[in-house]
Amino acid sequence: MTTLEDLMNAPAPASAWVLAQDCAETGLDPGAVCAEMARRIGEMRASIERGLKTDAKSITGMVGWNAKGLWDAPDVLGASLLKRVQAYAMAVNEENARMGRIVAAPTAGSAGTIPGALLGVADHLGLPDERLVDPLILAAGVGKAISKRMFISGAAGGCQAEIGSSAAMAAAAVTELLGGSPRACVHAASLALMNTIGLVCDPVGGYVEVPCVSRNAFFAVHAVSAAQLALAQLESFIPPDEVVMAMASVGRLMPAELRETAEGGLAQTPTGLAVTAHMEGRVEGELPGGMIELPVV
């Protein structure tokens, strides 16, 4: 089983080692793998572009206008990278919520984190999409190493296993894009993952919308922050594979109510319950935006 330590000690670039290992295991042609990754980058790009142009509501009406709203808003902080990364991530997840075409990376619920971070950084620096193929291969290798110890899904281990894994994958990818060593890439992944441990999966109504859309925006920035730390030679004090084991352990301890069942967390707030009841047709009355009017108590 390939571990993060194996990847950390691989010859540079880390993505080349991941590609060689995967092709040896599967028998796939390296050129075909690279072509497929290029195609997926194109799909990520297309979902971002669609998501930034529309404020059409999702099926439930809970989201749909966030990415465009941020993209069109003034950059009050003068932080164009921050705004771009957040908007890109939300654009992808809102496309998912509209039942549009996205790339699960590694899941639909966490699909915005990698394109938000990787494409956001590349566009900020004026780098072409061709430069993103190798980092995306590395991201896949990191995700594969994590998945050997824990299922990458909110239902299996809470959102830490889902958005945490995507943030780790994105952090490694951004680090390689910016010239980081295999060691730096793996420590970026570890730093991103260790700071998501304990995060629950609590989607309102069971739909991958609230808090999932904004959560991808936050954790795309989280991934870029981890890459910046690792490129400055900061490292995870806990060895990367031990971080994965810790996340897996916490996921197994997490009650079912906090693992994508909508039986805990935000899903069980008064508003969450009322919105769920409305979506299930158990109450009447709507406000603009598709949300129901809650009783005054």
Protein backbone atom coordinates (compact mmCIF):
# COMPACT_ATOMS: atom_id res chain seq x y z
CA MET A 1 0.00 0.00 0.00
CA THR A 2 1.42 3.37 -1.03
CA THR A 3 1.70 5.73 1.92
CA LEU A 4 2.23 9.46 2.22
CA GLU A 5 5.70 8.69 3.54
CA ASP A 6 6.47 6.81 0.31
CA LEU A 7 5.30 9.82 -1.64
CA MET A 8 7.25 12.23 0.56
CA ASN A 9 10.48 10.32 -0.09
CA ALA A 10 9.90 9.92 -3.83
CA PRO A 11 12.17 11.59 -6.38
CA ALA A 12 10.97 14.93 -7.69
CA PRO A 13 8.59 15.76 -9.16
CA ALA A 14 6.16 13.88 -6.94
CA SER A 15 3.55 13.67 -9.69
CA ALA A 16 5.91 11.72 -11.96
CA TRP A 17 6.38 9.11 -9.26
CA VAL A 18 2.62 8.88 -8.69
CA LEU A 19 2.03 8.45 -12.43
CA ALA A 20 4.67 5.74 -12.74
CA GLN A 21 3.31 3.84 -9.73
CA ASP A 22 -0.27 4.05 -10.96
CA CYS A 23 0.54 2.94 -14.49
CA ALA A 24 2.61 0.04 -13.20
CA GLU A 25 -0.33 -1.04 -11.06
CA THR A 26 -3.10 -0.57 -13.63
CA GLY A 27 -1.31 -1.11 -16.92
CA LEU A 28 -2.60 2.22 -18.23
CA ASP A 29 -0.56 4.25 -20.69
CA PRO A 30 0.97 7.38 -19.07
CA GLY A 31 0.01 9.49 -22.05
CA ALA A 32 -3.60 8.37 -21.78
CA VAL A 33 -3.67 9.21 -18.07
CA CYS A 34 -2.28 12.68 -18.74
CA ALA A 35 -4.81 13.22 -21.53
CA GLU A 36 -7.64 12.23 -19.21
CA MET A 37 -6.40 14.60 -16.53
CA ALA A 38 -6.25 17.40 -19.10
CA ARG A 39 -9.84 16.62 -20.04
CA ARG A 40 -10.91 16.79 -16.41
CA ILE A 41 -9.19 20.13 -15.98
CA GLY A 42 -11.23 21.31 -18.96
CA GLU A 43 -14.41 20.09 -17.25
CA MET A 44 -13.42 21.90 -14.05
CA ARG A 45 -12.80 25.06 -16.05
CA ALA A 46 -16.18 24.78 -17.78
CA SER A 47 -18.06 24.31 -14.50
CA ILE A 48 -16.34 27.37 -13.03
CA GLU A 49 -17.23 29.49 -16.05
CA ARG A 50 -20.87 28.40 -15.98
CA GLY A 51 -21.15 28.89 -12.25
CA LEU A 52 -19.76 32.42 -12.31
CA LYS A 53 -22.22 33.56 -14.99
CA THR A 54 -25.51 32.52 -13.42
CA ASP A 55 -27.45 33.11 -10.25
CA ALA A 56 -30.02 30.44 -11.05
CA LYS A 57 -31.23 28.71 -7.91
CA SER A 58 -30.50 25.12 -7.07
CA ILE A 59 -33.28 22.55 -7.05
CA THR A 60 -34.08 23.33 -3.41
CA GLY A 61 -33.59 27.09 -3.70
CA MET A 62 -31.03 27.21 -0.88
CA VAL A 63 -28.04 28.21 -3.05
CA GLY A 64 -27.20 29.29 -6.57
CA TRP A 65 -26.33 32.97 -6.37
CA ASN A 66 -23.28 32.87 -4.09
CA ALA A 67 -20.47 32.44 -6.62
CA LYS A 68 -21.74 35.08 -9.05
CA GLY A 69 -22.54 37.42 -6.18
CA LEU A 70 -19.00 37.23 -4.85
CA TRP A 71 -17.43 37.40 -8.32
CA ASP A 72 -19.38 40.53 -9.21
CA ALA A 73 -18.87 42.22 -5.84
CA PRO A 74 -16.16 44.83 -5.20
CA ASP A 75 -12.87 43.40 -3.90
CA VAL A 76 -13.09 45.28 -0.62
CA LEU A 77 -9.99 43.61 0.84
CA GLY A 78 -7.88 44.10 -2.27
CA ALA A 79 -7.18 40.36 -2.12
CA SER A 80 -7.85 39.17 -5.65
CA LEU A 81 -6.44 35.67 -5.07
CA LEU A 82 -8.67 35.12 -2.03
CA LYS A 83 -11.76 36.26 -3.89
CA ARG A 84 -10.93 34.20 -6.98
CA VAL A 85 -10.29 30.99 -5.06
CA GLN A 86 -13.53 31.34 -3.09
CA ALA A 87 -15.66 32.22 -6.12
CA TYR A 88 -14.23 29.40 -8.24
CA ALA A 89 -14.91 26.84 -5.50
CA MET A 90 -18.49 27.97 -4.97
CA ALA A 91 -19.13 28.12 -8.72
CA VAL A 92 -18.36 24.41 -9.02
CA ASN A 93 -20.46 23.39 -6.04
CA GLU A 94 -23.40 25.48 -7.12
CA GLU A 95 -23.23 23.84 -10.52
CA ASN A 96 -23.39 20.53 -8.68
CA ALA A 97 -26.42 21.77 -6.74
CA ARG A 98 -28.11 22.67 -10.06
CA MET A 99 -27.41 19.14 -11.29
CA GLY A 100 -24.81 20.49 -13.72
CA ARG A 101 -21.70 18.68 -14.91
CA ILE A 102 -18.78 18.73 -12.47
CA VAL A 103 -15.72 16.63 -11.65
CA ALA A 104 -16.01 14.81 -8.33
CA ALA A 105 -12.69 15.61 -6.68
CA PRO A 106 -12.80 13.32 -4.83
CA THR A 107 -16.57 13.63 -4.21
CA ALA A 108 -19.36 15.82 -5.55
CA GLY A 109 -19.76 17.50 -2.16
CA SER A 110 -16.09 18.50 -2.14
CA ALA A 111 -15.80 19.10 -5.89
CA GLY A 112 -15.02 22.82 -5.63
CA THR A 113 -11.96 22.68 -3.40
CA ILE A 114 -9.36 21.46 -5.91
CA PRO A 115 -10.48 23.62 -8.86
CA GLY A 116 -10.95 26.59 -6.54
CA ALA A 117 -7.43 26.31 -5.17
CA LEU A 118 -5.52 24.95 -8.17
CA LEU A 119 -7.17 26.85 -11.02
CA GLY A 120 -7.58 29.89 -8.82
CA VAL A 121 -3.85 30.08 -8.08
CA ALA A 122 -2.94 29.33 -11.70
CA ASP A 123 -5.20 32.07 -13.05
CA HIS A 124 -3.93 34.51 -10.44
CA LEU A 125 -0.39 33.86 -11.66
CA GLY A 126 -1.28 33.67 -15.35
CA LEU A 127 -0.29 30.00 -15.72
CA PRO A 128 -1.82 27.91 -18.54
CA ASP A 129 -4.01 24.87 -17.88
CA GLU A 130 -1.28 22.63 -19.34
CA ARG A 131 0.71 23.30 -16.18
CA LEU A 132 -2.07 21.81 -14.05
CA VAL A 133 -1.97 18.24 -15.36
CA ASP A 134 0.94 17.07 -13.21
CA PRO A 135 -0.36 18.72 -10.01
CA LEU A 136 -3.75 17.07 -10.57
CA ILE A 137 -2.05 13.69 -10.91
CA LEU A 138 -0.33 14.34 -7.59
CA ALA A 139 -3.65 15.30 -6.02
CA ALA A 140 -5.05 11.95 -7.14
CA GLY A 141 -2.08 10.17 -5.57
CA VAL A 142 -2.62 11.91 -2.24
CA GLY A 143 -6.32 11.07 -2.33
CA LYS A 144 -5.54 7.45 -3.07
CA ALA A 145 -3.13 7.23 -0.14
CA ILE A 146 -5.73 8.70 2.22
CA SER A 147 -8.49 6.43 0.91
CA LYS A 148 -6.47 3.34 1.78
CA ARG A 149 -7.01 4.15 5.47
CA MET A 150 -10.42 5.84 5.44
CA PHE A 151 -13.35 6.00 3.04
CA ILE A 152 -13.46 9.46 1.47
CA SER A 153 -17.07 10.32 2.19
CA GLY A 154 -19.05 12.30 4.71
CA ALA A 155 -21.17 9.25 5.40
CA ALA A 156 -18.11 7.22 6.38
CA GLY A 157 -16.19 9.71 8.48
CA GLY A 158 -17.83 13.11 8.55
CA CYS A 159 -16.87 16.06 6.40
CA GLN A 160 -13.29 15.78 7.67
CA ALA A 161 -12.96 12.69 5.47
CA GLU A 162 -14.46 14.47 2.48
CA ILE A 163 -13.56 18.16 2.47
CA GLY A 164 -10.45 17.36 4.54
CA SER A 165 -9.23 14.95 1.88
CA SER A 166 -10.00 17.39 -0.93
CA ALA A 167 -8.16 20.16 0.92
CA ALA A 168 -5.16 17.88 1.39
CA MET A 169 -5.20 16.94 -2.29
CA ALA A 170 -5.51 20.59 -3.32
CA ALA A 171 -2.73 21.70 -0.98
CA ALA A 172 -0.32 19.15 -2.45
CA ALA A 173 -1.30 20.13 -5.99
CA VAL A 174 -0.78 23.85 -5.40
CA THR A 175 2.56 23.14 -3.72
CA GLU A 176 3.82 21.20 -6.74
CA LEU A 177 2.48 23.84 -9.12
CA LEU A 178 4.62 26.39 -7.28
CA GLY A 179 7.76 24.26 -7.41
CA GLY A 180 7.55 22.47 -4.08
CA SER A 181 9.47 19.27 -3.37
CA PRO A 182 7.71 15.96 -2.72
CA ARG A 183 8.35 16.52 0.99
CA ALA A 184 6.77 19.96 0.88
CA CYS A 185 3.79 18.63 -1.09
CA VAL A 186 3.06 15.90 1.44
CA HIS A 187 3.48 18.21 4.41
CA ALA A 188 1.11 20.69 2.78
CA ALA A 189 -1.44 17.87 2.51
CA SER A 190 -0.84 16.90 6.13
CA LEU A 191 -1.23 20.48 7.38
CA ALA A 192 -4.49 20.85 5.48
CA LEU A 193 -5.88 17.53 6.72
CA MET A 194 -4.88 17.88 10.36
CA ASN A 195 -6.76 21.15 10.62
CA THR A 196 -10.03 19.61 9.46
CA ILE A 197 -10.09 16.75 11.98
CA GLY A 198 -13.42 16.60 13.78
CA LEU A 199 -15.45 18.39 11.09
CA VAL A 200 -18.94 16.92 10.90
CA CYS A 201 -21.12 16.37 7.85
CA ASP A 202 -24.47 18.06 8.49
CA PRO A 203 -26.17 19.01 5.20
CA VAL A 204 -29.54 20.68 5.61
CA GLY A 205 -32.24 18.36 4.33
CA GLY A 206 -29.56 15.92 3.23
CA TYR A 207 -28.81 18.06 0.16
CA VAL A 208 -25.21 18.91 -0.74
CA GLU A 209 -25.86 22.65 -0.56
CA VAL A 210 -25.83 24.13 2.96
CA PRO A 211 -23.18 24.36 4.34
CA CYS A 212 -21.37 22.52 1.53
CA VAL A 213 -21.12 25.34 -1.02
CA SER A 214 -19.53 27.86 1.34
CA ARG A 215 -17.49 25.13 3.00
CA ASN A 216 -15.71 24.46 -0.29
CA ALA A 217 -14.87 28.16 -0.53
CA PHE A 218 -13.35 28.15 2.94
CA PHE A 219 -11.36 24.98 2.44
CA ALA A 220 -10.04 25.97 -0.98
CA VAL A 221 -8.45 28.94 0.81
CA HIS A 222 -7.39 26.56 3.58
CA ALA A 223 -5.54 24.46 0.98
CA VAL A 224 -3.73 27.48 -0.44
CA SER A 225 -2.72 28.49 3.08
CA ALA A 226 -1.31 25.02 3.73
CA ALA A 227 0.68 25.20 0.49
CA GLN A 228 2.10 28.58 1.47
CA LEU A 229 3.22 27.23 4.85
CA ALA A 230 4.83 24.15 3.30
CA LEU A 231 6.63 26.19 0.64
CA ALA A 232 8.13 28.21 3.48
CA GLN A 233 9.44 24.87 4.82
CA LEU A 234 6.95 24.62 7.68
CA GLU A 235 6.01 21.02 8.36
CA SER A 236 3.42 19.00 10.20
CA PHE A 237 4.73 18.02 13.63
CA ILE A 238 2.74 14.78 13.43
CA PRO A 239 3.95 12.55 10.56
CA PRO A 240 1.55 12.69 7.61
CA ASP A 241 0.42 9.06 7.73
CA GLU A 242 -0.30 9.43 11.44
CA VAL A 243 -2.46 12.44 10.64
CA VAL A 244 -4.48 10.28 8.26
CA MET A 245 -4.84 7.59 10.92
CA ALA A 246 -5.99 10.20 13.44
CA MET A 247 -8.62 11.47 11.03
CA ALA A 248 -9.80 7.92 10.39
CA SER A 249 -9.99 7.21 14.12
CA VAL A 250 -12.07 10.32 14.78
CA GLY A 251 -14.33 9.41 11.86
CA ARG A 252 -15.04 6.00 13.35
CA LEU A 253 -15.84 7.59 16.71
CA MET A 254 -18.21 10.11 15.18
CA PRO A 255 -21.89 9.32 15.82
CA ALA A 256 -24.09 8.54 12.83
CA GLU A 257 -26.05 11.73 13.42
CA LEU A 258 -22.98 13.73 12.38
CA ARG A 259 -22.14 11.71 9.28
CA GLU A 260 -24.31 12.93 6.40
CA THR A 261 -27.61 11.74 7.84
CA ALA A 262 -28.99 15.29 8.38
CA GLU A 263 -29.80 14.20 11.94
CA GLY A 264 -27.41 16.58 13.67
CA GLY A 265 -25.56 19.87 13.43
CA LEU A 266 -26.92 22.59 11.13
CA ALA A 267 -29.50 20.21 9.71
CA GLN A 268 -31.23 20.05 13.11
CA THR A 269 -31.42 23.78 13.80
CA PRO A 270 -34.93 25.28 13.77
CA THR A 271 -34.29 26.81 10.37
CA GLY A 272 -32.75 23.62 9.04
CA LEU A 273 -35.74 21.58 10.18
CA ALA A 274 -38.23 24.09 8.80
CA VAL A 275 -36.52 24.23 5.41
CA THR A 276 -36.41 20.44 5.31
CA ALA A 277 -40.13 20.26 6.10
CA HIS A 278 -40.85 22.71 3.30
CA MET A 279 -38.77 20.76 0.79
CA GLU A 280 -40.64 17.62 1.76
CA GLY A 281 -43.99 19.35 1.24
CA ARG A 282 -45.01 19.26 4.89
CA VAL A 283 -45.54 23.04 5.23
CA GLU A 284 -46.78 25.88 3.03
CA GLY A 285 -45.62 29.40 2.32
CA GLU A 286 -42.50 30.77 0.72
CA LEU A 287 -40.38 33.90 0.92
CA PRO A 288 -38.26 35.31 -1.93
CA GLY A 289 -35.29 33.07 -2.44
CA GLY A 290 -37.32 29.91 -2.00
CA MET A 291 -37.01 29.83 1.79
CA ILE A 292 -40.10 29.42 3.98
CA GLU A 293 -41.37 32.02 6.38
CA LEU A 294 -40.63 30.82 9.89
CA PRO A 295 -43.10 31.46 12.71
CA VAL A 296 -42.24 34.18 15.20
CA VAL A 297 -41.86 32.71 18.68
